[in-house]
Protein backbone atom coordinates (compact mmCIF):
# COMPACT_ATOMS: atom_id res chain seq x y z
CA UNK A 1 19.85 -4.43 -4.59
CA UNK A 2 19.28 -6.05 -1.23
CA UNK A 3 15.81 -7.59 -0.83
CA UNK A 4 13.59 -5.29 1.23
CA UNK A 5 10.49 -6.85 2.78
CA UNK A 6 7.83 -4.57 4.21
CA UNK A 7 6.11 -5.24 7.51
CA UNK A 8 3.16 -6.74 5.61
CA UNK A 9 5.19 -9.05 3.38
CA UNK A 10 5.23 -6.96 0.24
CA UNK A 11 8.67 -7.11 -1.34
CA UNK A 12 9.49 -3.42 -1.52
CA UNK A 13 12.65 -3.96 -3.53
CA UNK A 14 10.51 -5.38 -6.37
CA UNK A 15 8.08 -2.44 -6.31
CA UNK A 16 8.27 -0.21 -9.38
CA UNK A 17 7.79 2.86 -7.18
CA UNK A 18 10.86 2.03 -5.10
CA UNK A 19 12.93 1.19 -8.18
CA UNK A 20 11.95 4.51 -9.80
CA UNK A 21 12.58 6.41 -6.55
CA UNK A 22 16.08 5.00 -6.18
CA UNK A 23 16.81 5.82 -9.84
CA UNK A 24 15.40 9.33 -9.35
CA UNK A 25 13.32 8.62 -12.47
CA UNK A 26 10.38 11.04 -12.42
CA UNK A 27 8.97 9.68 -15.69
CA UNK A 28 8.82 6.18 -14.22
CA UNK A 29 7.24 7.53 -11.01
CA UNK A 30 4.57 9.24 -13.10
CA UNK A 31 3.97 5.98 -14.95
CA UNK A 32 3.53 4.13 -11.63
CA UNK A 33 1.20 6.89 -10.40
CA UNK A 34 -0.90 6.61 -13.57
CA UNK A 35 -1.17 2.83 -13.18
CA UNK A 36 -2.12 3.11 -9.52
CA UNK A 37 -4.65 5.91 -10.18
CA UNK A 38 -6.47 3.53 -12.50
CA UNK A 39 -5.99 0.33 -10.50
CA UNK A 40 -7.16 1.86 -7.22
CA UNK A 41 -9.64 4.38 -8.69
CA UNK A 42 -7.70 7.09 -6.89
CA UNK A 43 -7.30 10.22 -9.02
CA UNK A 44 -5.35 11.97 -6.25
CA UNK A 45 -2.29 9.71 -6.68
CA UNK A 46 0.69 11.66 -8.03
CA UNK A 47 4.31 10.85 -8.82
CA UNK A 48 5.31 12.56 -5.58
CA UNK A 49 2.86 10.46 -3.57
CA UNK A 50 4.27 7.17 -4.88
CA UNK A 51 7.95 8.02 -4.35
CA UNK A 52 9.15 5.60 -1.68
CA UNK A 53 12.33 4.13 -0.23
CA UNK A 54 10.45 1.27 1.48
CA UNK A 55 8.38 1.33 4.64
CA UNK A 56 11.01 -0.20 6.91
CA UNK A 57 13.78 2.28 6.09
CA UNK A 58 14.25 6.02 6.46
CA UNK A 59 13.70 8.27 3.49
CA UNK A 60 10.72 9.03 1.30
CA UNK A 61 7.54 7.07 1.84
CA UNK A 62 4.47 6.65 -0.32
CA UNK A 63 1.28 8.46 0.63
CA UNK A 64 -0.25 5.36 2.24
CA UNK A 65 2.72 4.95 4.60
CA UNK A 66 1.44 7.48 7.12
CA UNK A 67 -1.87 5.66 7.60
CA UNK A 68 -0.78 2.02 7.19
CA UNK A 69 -1.91 0.27 10.36
CA UNK A 70 0.29 -2.77 9.67
CA UNK A 71 3.39 -0.56 9.48
CA UNK A 72 2.39 1.40 12.57
CA UNK A 73 1.93 -1.82 14.54
CA UNK A 74 5.23 -3.27 13.30
CA UNK A 75 7.11 -0.14 14.30
CA UNK A 76 5.46 -0.06 17.72
CA UNK A 77 6.44 -3.70 18.28
CA UNK A 78 9.97 -3.13 17.01
CA UNK A 79 9.93 -6.04 14.55
CA UNK A 80 11.76 -6.24 11.21
CA UNK A 81 8.47 -7.36 9.66
CA UNK A 82 5.32 -9.12 10.82
CA UNK A 83 6.88 -12.59 10.48
CA UNK A 84 8.96 -11.72 13.57
CA UNK A 85 5.91 -10.82 15.66
CA UNK A 86 4.66 -13.02 18.50
CA UNK A 87 1.12 -12.31 17.26
CA UNK A 88 1.90 -13.28 13.66
CA UNK A 89 -1.16 -13.63 11.44
CA UNK A 90 -3.30 -11.34 13.57
CA UNK A 91 -6.67 -10.21 12.27
CA UNK A 92 -5.26 -7.08 10.62
CA UNK A 93 -2.62 -9.09 8.78
CA UNK A 94 -4.93 -11.92 7.71
CA UNK A 95 -7.30 -9.31 6.28
CA UNK A 96 -4.41 -8.00 4.19
CA UNK A 97 -3.43 -11.54 3.16
CA UNK A 98 -6.96 -12.05 1.80
CA UNK A 99 -6.24 -9.21 -0.63
CA UNK A 100 -2.55 -9.96 -1.27
CA UNK A 101 -1.88 -13.69 -0.78
CA UNK A 102 1.67 -13.39 -2.15
CA UNK A 103 2.55 -11.32 0.93
CA UNK A 104 1.60 -14.25 3.15
CA UNK A 105 3.83 -16.58 1.16
CA UNK A 106 6.76 -14.19 1.70
CA UNK A 107 6.16 -13.81 5.45
CA UNK A 108 5.50 -17.52 5.96
CA UNK A 109 8.92 -18.24 4.42
CA UNK A 110 10.58 -15.64 6.63
CA UNK A 111 8.84 -17.04 9.71
CA UNK A 112 9.87 -20.62 8.83
CA UNK A 113 13.49 -19.50 8.69
CA UNK A 114 13.47 -17.92 12.18
């Protein structure tokens, strides 16, 4: 599978929700949902709400997709991901990096290659 990097630097193609979605594996999607319900203390998460083809492509998107401000900004700016943005490492993105430092590593590598 081709590597898919989200606007924020998460590697979508390594996400168990995307892998299960592409395999049309409902049992695996339920397993992801159960893990995320516990990890994020979010009892409303269901297998349907984690099904996702990746935020930068058309298709199904996880429940958070609709409200993700990083994705919304990236789409409005027309960038492949935030590494391509003239305002790279804006306040919104650095706040996310504080929670998910691996995403910054991914985007820093992309940006260095531009």
